[in-house]
Each structure stands twice: as structure tokens, then as C-alpha cells.
Amino acid sequence: MSFWDSSALIPLVVDEPASPTARRLLRGHGTPVVWWGSLVECCSALERRRRAGLLKGAWKRQAEQSLNQLAAAWAEIQPTGSVRERARRLLSSHDLSAADALQLAAALVWAEERPSGRAFVCLDERLREAARKDGFLVLPEDIG
């Protein structure tokens, strides 16, 4: 199992340059663990693409269907007080948005505060750096 940020989930449902890497990581790491709000973040990303004219008609419906199938299979970290308090502390030590702090806090709760050797799959550079500093194995190793 590995923790997946929404930035790494989107290439699983929309064809992007990172899609082959994301699919390979999914095959190699089994059931993704995600933050409770990841489904909403992914829907937001799909709608941004639709508004920009990058995801139309049947392609959007296919992406939504793929996202729903993925969501039915993943494990979610629920919005508990411990996640919220951990996210608040992360904001003082990392340059993160509130949503990213919640993502990383959820990952730390999943890892039981022992992230060493645990995979954190993410494509957002700022969140990758924070996860790395907190001790996660950040994948993919190179997003360049």
C-alpha cells in the first residue's frame, strides 16, 4: 500500500505525460490510500480541464467513470481531529496550502507517524518536498 495525493491520481483517469508512470506505480503498490477529500479534489481537477476545453464529452464521462472505479477501490483516511491537528502543525514547518497540509497529515496518520519506508505518491513539487522532509519515500523518484 502507498499513500496517493490527488495530483498523482489524476493521471490514472486522464491521459497525461505522467500516466504511464502513475499506472506502473499503481500496479506495483496495490490499493491506494488517500485523504478523505481526494475525490472532491480530483473532481475539481476534471472540471478545470473541462472549463479549459481540455476534457470534452465522452472523454470527460470516461474520466469520471474511471475516477469512480478507482474511488470504489481505494482506502480513505477520514477527517478526524488528529488529522486536523497534525495539518495545523505542518503549516508551521512547511510551505503548504491547507489542502496539501491535510493530505500530508492524512498520510502521517496512515503511517502512524512512522513514515520511514512508506511510499507517498505525488506529482506536486512543494508537497513532495514536505513529504520527503517528513521521512516518506516520495514516488515517482523523478518527475522531471
C-alpha atoms as a PDB file:
ATOM      1  CA  MET A   1       0.000   0.000   0.000  1.00  0.00           C
ATOM      2  CA  SER A   2       1.026   3.571  -0.566  1.00  0.00           C
ATOM      3  CA  PHE A   3      -0.470   6.987   0.056  1.00  0.00           C
ATOM      4  CA  TRP A   4      -1.585   8.854  -3.072  1.00  0.00           C
ATOM      5  CA  ASP A   5      -2.037  12.597  -3.363  1.00  0.00           C
ATOM      6  CA  SER A   6      -4.740  13.759  -5.764  1.00  0.00           C
ATOM      7  CA  SER A   7      -2.043  15.115  -8.115  1.00  0.00           C
ATOM      8  CA  ALA A   8      -0.947  11.519  -8.717  1.00  0.00           C
ATOM      9  CA  LEU A   9      -4.489  10.156  -9.001  1.00  0.00           C
ATOM     10  CA  ILE A  10      -5.498  12.379 -11.933  1.00  0.00           C
ATOM     11  CA  PRO A  11      -3.010  10.776 -14.390  1.00  0.00           C
ATOM     12  CA  LEU A  12      -4.743   7.472 -13.660  1.00  0.00           C
ATOM     13  CA  VAL A  13      -8.016   8.774 -15.118  1.00  0.00           C
ATOM     14  CA  VAL A  14      -6.881  11.354 -17.703  1.00  0.00           C
ATOM     15  CA  ASP A  15      -4.205  10.713 -20.303  1.00  0.00           C
ATOM     16  CA  GLU A  16      -1.197  12.860 -19.369  1.00  0.00           C
ATOM     17  CA  PRO A  17       2.581  12.520 -19.706  1.00  0.00           C
ATOM     18  CA  ALA A  18       2.696  11.105 -16.146  1.00  0.00           C
ATOM     19  CA  SER A  19       0.006   8.476 -16.849  1.00  0.00           C
ATOM     20  CA  PRO A  20       2.333   5.540 -17.691  1.00  0.00           C
ATOM     21  CA  THR A  21       4.365   6.165 -14.539  1.00  0.00           C
ATOM     22  CA  ALA A  22       1.242   6.501 -12.385  1.00  0.00           C
ATOM     23  CA  ARG A  23      -0.188   3.249 -13.780  1.00  0.00           C
ATOM     24  CA  ARG A  24       3.094   1.433 -13.155  1.00  0.00           C
ATOM     25  CA  LEU A  25       3.180   2.685  -9.555  1.00  0.00           C
ATOM     26  CA  LEU A  26      -0.431   1.644  -9.006  1.00  0.00           C
ATOM     27  CA  ARG A  27       0.316  -1.880 -10.264  1.00  0.00           C
ATOM     28  CA  GLY A  28       3.362  -2.091  -8.011  1.00  0.00           C
ATOM     29  CA  HIS A  29       1.854  -0.698  -4.815  1.00  0.00           C
ATOM     30  CA  GLY A  30      -1.608  -2.204  -4.605  1.00  0.00           C
ATOM     31  CA  THR A  31      -4.576  -0.412  -3.081  1.00  0.00           C
ATOM     32  CA  PRO A  32      -4.034   3.345  -2.881  1.00  0.00           C
ATOM     33  CA  VAL A  33      -4.627   5.080   0.421  1.00  0.00           C
ATOM     34  CA  VAL A  34      -5.985   8.603   0.013  1.00  0.00           C
ATOM     35  CA  TRP A  35      -7.210  11.553   2.031  1.00  0.00           C
ATOM     36  CA  TRP A  36     -10.983  11.769   2.503  1.00  0.00           C
ATOM     37  CA  GLY A  37     -11.142  14.937   0.368  1.00  0.00           C
ATOM     38  CA  SER A  38      -9.239  13.485  -2.587  1.00  0.00           C
ATOM     39  CA  LEU A  39     -12.355  12.621  -4.564  1.00  0.00           C
ATOM     40  CA  VAL A  40     -13.504  16.254  -4.420  1.00  0.00           C
ATOM     41  CA  GLU A  41     -10.007  17.458  -5.381  1.00  0.00           C
ATOM     42  CA  CYS A  42      -9.983  15.085  -8.363  1.00  0.00           C
ATOM     43  CA  CYS A  43     -13.458  16.220  -9.466  1.00  0.00           C
ATOM     44  CA  SER A  44     -12.241  19.803  -9.245  1.00  0.00           C
ATOM     45  CA  ALA A  45      -9.244  18.965 -11.445  1.00  0.00           C
ATOM     46  CA  LEU A  46     -11.504  17.338 -14.041  1.00  0.00           C
ATOM     47  CA  GLU A  47     -13.823  20.352 -14.074  1.00  0.00           C
ATOM     48  CA  ARG A  48     -10.860  22.733 -14.511  1.00  0.00           C
ATOM     49  CA  ARG A  49      -9.821  20.713 -17.553  1.00  0.00           C
ATOM     50  CA  ARG A  50     -13.396  20.806 -18.892  1.00  0.00           C
ATOM     51  CA  ARG A  51     -13.623  24.597 -18.476  1.00  0.00           C
ATOM     52  CA  ALA A  52     -10.275  24.984 -20.237  1.00  0.00           C
ATOM     53  CA  GLY A  53     -11.570  22.922 -23.163  1.00  0.00           C
ATOM     54  CA  LEU A  54      -9.117  20.088 -22.478  1.00  0.00           C
ATOM     55  CA  LEU A  55     -11.683  17.458 -21.493  1.00  0.00           C
ATOM     56  CA  LYS A  56     -14.871  17.228 -23.525  1.00  0.00           C
ATOM     57  CA  GLY A  57     -17.888  14.988 -23.966  1.00  0.00           C
ATOM     58  CA  ALA A  58     -17.128  11.289 -23.977  1.00  0.00           C
ATOM     59  CA  TRP A  59     -13.591  11.866 -22.680  1.00  0.00           C
ATOM     60  CA  LYS A  60     -14.943  13.633 -19.593  1.00  0.00           C
ATOM     61  CA  ARG A  61     -17.515  10.909 -18.974  1.00  0.00           C
ATOM     62  CA  GLN A  62     -14.801   8.267 -19.318  1.00  0.00           C
ATOM     63  CA  ALA A  63     -12.558  10.131 -16.856  1.00  0.00           C
ATOM     64  CA  GLU A  64     -15.428  10.401 -14.356  1.00  0.00           C
ATOM     65  CA  GLN A  65     -16.215   6.707 -14.729  1.00  0.00           C
ATOM     66  CA  SER A  66     -12.553   5.787 -14.236  1.00  0.00           C
ATOM     67  CA  LEU A  67     -12.365   8.041 -11.182  1.00  0.00           C
ATOM     68  CA  ASN A  68     -15.467   6.429  -9.690  1.00  0.00           C
ATOM     69  CA  GLN A  69     -14.000   2.947 -10.231  1.00  0.00           C
ATOM     70  CA  LEU A  70     -10.723   4.000  -8.654  1.00  0.00           C
ATOM     71  CA  ALA A  71     -12.525   5.600  -5.696  1.00  0.00           C
ATOM     72  CA  ALA A  72     -14.518   2.421  -5.117  1.00  0.00           C
ATOM     73  CA  ALA A  73     -11.247   0.546  -4.645  1.00  0.00           C
ATOM     74  CA  TRP A  74      -9.104   2.951  -2.639  1.00  0.00           C
ATOM     75  CA  ALA A  75      -8.872   3.225   1.153  1.00  0.00           C
ATOM     76  CA  GLU A  76      -9.644   6.617   2.705  1.00  0.00           C
ATOM     77  CA  ILE A  77      -8.216   8.359   5.743  1.00  0.00           C
ATOM     78  CA  GLN A  78     -11.196  10.035   7.380  1.00  0.00           C
ATOM     79  CA  PRO A  79     -11.347  13.681   8.564  1.00  0.00           C
ATOM     80  CA  THR A  80     -10.601  13.220  12.248  1.00  0.00           C
ATOM     81  CA  GLY A  81      -9.437  15.666  14.873  1.00  0.00           C
ATOM     82  CA  SER A  82      -5.973  14.102  14.807  1.00  0.00           C
ATOM     83  CA  VAL A  83      -5.664  14.765  11.057  1.00  0.00           C
ATOM     84  CA  ARG A  84      -6.774  18.363  11.563  1.00  0.00           C
ATOM     85  CA  GLU A  85      -4.344  18.977  14.429  1.00  0.00           C
ATOM     86  CA  ARG A  86      -1.478  17.353  12.527  1.00  0.00           C
ATOM     87  CA  ALA A  87      -2.265  19.547   9.493  1.00  0.00           C
ATOM     88  CA  ARG A  88      -2.202  22.673  11.681  1.00  0.00           C
ATOM     89  CA  ARG A  89       1.269  21.738  12.948  1.00  0.00           C
ATOM     90  CA  LEU A  90       2.504  21.020   9.418  1.00  0.00           C
ATOM     91  CA  LEU A  91       1.607  24.546   8.317  1.00  0.00           C
ATOM     92  CA  SER A  92       4.221  25.956  10.694  1.00  0.00           C
ATOM     93  CA  SER A  93       7.003  23.732   9.362  1.00  0.00           C
ATOM     94  CA  HIS A  94       6.235  23.548   5.619  1.00  0.00           C
ATOM     95  CA  ASP A  95       5.154  25.977   2.899  1.00  0.00           C
ATOM     96  CA  LEU A  96       1.877  24.189   2.130  1.00  0.00           C
ATOM     97  CA  SER A  97      -1.684  25.108   1.263  1.00  0.00           C
ATOM     98  CA  ALA A  98      -4.382  23.982   3.682  1.00  0.00           C
ATOM     99  CA  ALA A  99      -5.407  21.185   1.296  1.00  0.00           C
ATOM    100  CA  ASP A 100      -1.824  19.945   0.971  1.00  0.00           C
ATOM    101  CA  ALA A 101      -1.323  20.079   4.751  1.00  0.00           C
ATOM    102  CA  LEU A 102      -4.424  17.899   5.129  1.00  0.00           C
ATOM    103  CA  GLN A 103      -3.057  15.470   2.515  1.00  0.00           C
ATOM    104  CA  LEU A 104       0.269  15.146   4.316  1.00  0.00           C
ATOM    105  CA  ALA A 105      -1.398  14.934   7.726  1.00  0.00           C
ATOM    106  CA  ALA A 106      -3.613  12.115   6.468  1.00  0.00           C
ATOM    107  CA  ALA A 107      -0.535  10.305   5.166  1.00  0.00           C
ATOM    108  CA  LEU A 108       1.175  10.679   8.533  1.00  0.00           C
ATOM    109  CA  VAL A 109      -1.889   9.337  10.331  1.00  0.00           C
ATOM    110  CA  TRP A 110      -1.966   6.401   7.898  1.00  0.00           C
ATOM    111  CA  ALA A 111       1.748   5.776   8.580  1.00  0.00           C
ATOM    112  CA  GLU A 112       1.079   6.014  12.333  1.00  0.00           C
ATOM    113  CA  GLU A 113       3.627   8.869  12.471  1.00  0.00           C
ATOM    114  CA  ARG A 114       6.366   6.492  11.216  1.00  0.00           C
ATOM    115  CA  PRO A 115       6.747   7.382   7.518  1.00  0.00           C
ATOM    116  CA  SER A 116      10.187   5.848   7.012  1.00  0.00           C
ATOM    117  CA  GLY A 117       9.954   3.342   4.168  1.00  0.00           C
ATOM    118  CA  ARG A 118       6.326   4.257   3.407  1.00  0.00           C
ATOM    119  CA  ALA A 119       5.583   5.431  -0.130  1.00  0.00           C
ATOM    120  CA  PHE A 120       3.941   8.803  -0.774  1.00  0.00           C
ATOM    121  CA  VAL A 121       2.924   9.115  -4.434  1.00  0.00           C
ATOM    122  CA  CYS A 122       2.681  12.734  -5.516  1.00  0.00           C
ATOM    123  CA  LEU A 123       3.412  14.972  -8.505  1.00  0.00           C
ATOM    124  CA  ASP A 124       3.188  18.350  -6.743  1.00  0.00           C
ATOM    125  CA  GLU A 125       6.729  19.567  -6.081  1.00  0.00           C
ATOM    126  CA  ARG A 126       6.016  21.514  -2.895  1.00  0.00           C
ATOM    127  CA  LEU A 127       4.091  18.634  -1.316  1.00  0.00           C
ATOM    128  CA  ARG A 128       6.749  16.163  -2.484  1.00  0.00           C
ATOM    129  CA  GLU A 129       9.420  18.172  -0.684  1.00  0.00           C
ATOM    130  CA  ALA A 130       7.376  18.369   2.529  1.00  0.00           C
ATOM    131  CA  ALA A 131       6.666  14.629   2.456  1.00  0.00           C
ATOM    132  CA  ARG A 132      10.340  13.905   1.842  1.00  0.00           C
ATOM    133  CA  LYS A 133      11.369  16.125   4.782  1.00  0.00           C
ATOM    134  CA  ASP A 134       8.884  14.297   6.995  1.00  0.00           C
ATOM    135  CA  GLY A 135      10.503  10.975   6.101  1.00  0.00           C
ATOM    136  CA  PHE A 136       8.364   9.444   3.348  1.00  0.00           C
ATOM    137  CA  LEU A 137       9.746   7.645   0.325  1.00  0.00           C
ATOM    138  CA  VAL A 138       8.393  10.013  -2.351  1.00  0.00           C
ATOM    139  CA  LEU A 139       7.413   8.487  -5.686  1.00  0.00           C
ATOM    140  CA  PRO A 140       7.942   8.723  -8.520  1.00  0.00           C
ATOM    141  CA  GLU A 141      11.557   9.390  -7.739  1.00  0.00           C
ATOM    142  CA  ASP A 142      11.913  11.771 -10.676  1.00  0.00           C
ATOM    143  CA  ILE A 143       9.082  13.806 -12.165  1.00  0.00           C
ATOM    144  CA  GLY A 144      11.383  15.923 -14.336  1.00  0.00           C
END
